[in-house]
């Protein structure tokens, strides 16, 4: 695999993850605002959406990434207490952690 292919696939992961999380956060927020007794869901959805947007912006990517990892791991614990296992949250947390630890691929590659 070439460095260019690796960089492109990394950017694709970063964008796809951030956009999907932001989109799903907005959907959850709209749902929570329209339903009675879902105030806690509205707060979580709003925080998740903001974290996803921070994750997409190169200067705030690490802050957003850490927030997303914390949000998703907390969601796993909350659901586990209820006897559920939301595997998708673990995948989201792992992908967010990977992108966060390896930094932004948006900056130009250093010369060889």
Protein backbone atom coordinates (compact mmCIF):
# COMPACT_ATOMS: atom_id res chain seq x y z
CA UNK A 1 0.00 0.00 0.00
CA UNK A 2 1.38 3.39 -0.91
CA UNK A 3 1.53 6.31 1.47
CA UNK A 4 -0.94 8.18 -0.74
CA UNK A 5 -3.47 5.33 -0.57
CA UNK A 6 -3.05 5.08 3.19
CA UNK A 7 -3.54 8.82 3.58
CA UNK A 8 -6.65 8.83 1.38
CA UNK A 9 -8.21 5.91 3.24
CA UNK A 10 -7.42 7.57 6.58
CA UNK A 11 -9.12 10.79 5.43
CA UNK A 12 -12.09 8.74 4.20
CA UNK A 13 -12.40 7.08 7.62
CA UNK A 14 -12.13 10.43 9.40
CA UNK A 15 -14.76 12.12 7.20
CA UNK A 16 -17.14 9.18 7.11
CA UNK A 17 -17.02 8.66 10.85
CA UNK A 18 -17.46 12.33 11.68
CA UNK A 19 -20.27 12.90 9.20
CA UNK A 20 -22.18 9.76 10.17
CA UNK A 21 -21.95 10.58 13.88
CA UNK A 22 -22.99 14.19 13.27
CA UNK A 23 -25.94 13.08 11.10
CA UNK A 24 -27.09 10.47 13.62
CA UNK A 25 -26.68 12.96 16.46
CA UNK A 26 -28.91 15.47 14.69
CA UNK A 27 -31.49 12.74 13.99
CA UNK A 28 -31.47 11.70 17.65
CA UNK A 29 -31.78 15.34 18.73
CA UNK A 30 -34.79 15.90 16.48
CA UNK A 31 -36.38 12.72 17.79
CA UNK A 32 -35.70 13.65 21.42
CA UNK A 33 -37.09 17.15 21.02
CA UNK A 34 -40.30 15.75 19.55
CA UNK A 35 -40.84 13.09 22.22
CA UNK A 36 -41.96 13.56 25.79
CA UNK A 37 -39.60 12.49 28.59
CA UNK A 38 -36.52 12.34 26.38
CA UNK A 39 -34.70 15.41 27.73
CA UNK A 40 -31.63 13.37 28.66
CA UNK A 41 -31.45 12.01 25.10
CA UNK A 42 -31.60 15.56 23.71
CA UNK A 43 -28.61 16.57 25.85
CA UNK A 44 -26.58 13.51 24.86
CA UNK A 45 -27.47 13.97 21.17
CA UNK A 46 -26.52 17.65 21.26
CA UNK A 47 -23.17 16.92 22.94
CA UNK A 48 -22.49 14.08 20.50
CA UNK A 49 -23.27 16.31 17.51
CA UNK A 50 -20.99 19.09 18.75
CA UNK A 51 -18.22 16.57 19.44
CA UNK A 52 -18.59 15.14 15.91
CA UNK A 53 -18.35 18.61 14.39
CA UNK A 54 -15.25 19.36 16.47
CA UNK A 55 -13.83 16.02 15.33
CA UNK A 56 -14.29 17.04 11.69
CA UNK A 57 -12.50 20.38 12.08
CA UNK A 58 -8.71 19.83 11.90
CA UNK A 59 -7.80 22.29 14.68
CA UNK A 60 -10.23 20.75 17.16
CA UNK A 61 -10.10 17.15 15.95
CA UNK A 62 -8.40 15.78 19.06
CA UNK A 63 -10.83 17.47 21.48
CA UNK A 64 -13.78 16.16 19.49
CA UNK A 65 -12.22 12.72 19.21
CA UNK A 66 -11.61 12.39 22.94
CA UNK A 67 -15.17 13.58 23.62
CA UNK A 68 -16.56 11.01 21.16
CA UNK A 69 -14.58 8.17 22.74
CA UNK A 70 -15.85 9.15 26.20
CA UNK A 71 -19.44 9.48 24.93
CA UNK A 72 -19.41 6.09 23.21
CA UNK A 73 -17.74 4.21 26.07
CA UNK A 74 -20.22 5.78 28.49
CA UNK A 75 -23.07 4.70 26.22
CA UNK A 76 -21.70 1.14 26.20
CA UNK A 77 -21.63 1.10 30.00
CA UNK A 78 -25.13 2.57 30.35
CA UNK A 79 -26.56 0.07 27.90
CA UNK A 80 -24.63 -2.83 29.49
CA UNK A 81 -26.23 -2.05 32.86
CA UNK A 82 -29.59 -2.46 31.09
CA UNK A 83 -28.54 -5.83 29.70
CA UNK A 84 -27.88 -4.57 26.17
CA UNK A 85 -24.71 -4.76 24.11
CA UNK A 86 -24.49 -1.95 21.54
CA UNK A 87 -21.52 -3.22 19.52
CA UNK A 88 -21.74 -0.30 17.10
CA UNK A 89 -20.72 2.08 19.90
CA UNK A 90 -17.53 0.08 20.43
CA UNK A 91 -16.75 0.30 16.71
CA UNK A 92 -17.37 4.07 16.73
CA UNK A 93 -15.19 4.49 19.83
CA UNK A 94 -12.36 2.42 18.34
CA UNK A 95 -12.43 4.35 15.05
CA UNK A 96 -12.56 7.72 16.83
CA UNK A 97 -9.66 6.68 19.06
CA UNK A 98 -7.63 5.53 16.04
CA UNK A 99 -8.12 8.81 14.17
CA UNK A 100 -7.53 10.87 17.32
CA UNK A 101 -4.28 9.11 18.21
CA UNK A 102 -2.86 9.30 14.70
CA UNK A 103 -3.72 12.94 14.16
CA UNK A 104 -5.11 14.81 11.22
CA UNK A 105 -4.25 13.67 7.71
CA UNK A 106 -5.26 17.06 6.35
CA UNK A 107 -1.86 18.65 6.75
CA UNK A 108 0.56 18.12 3.91
CA UNK A 109 2.76 15.08 4.14
CA UNK A 110 6.35 15.83 5.16
CA UNK A 111 8.88 15.55 2.35
CA UNK A 112 10.77 12.23 2.19
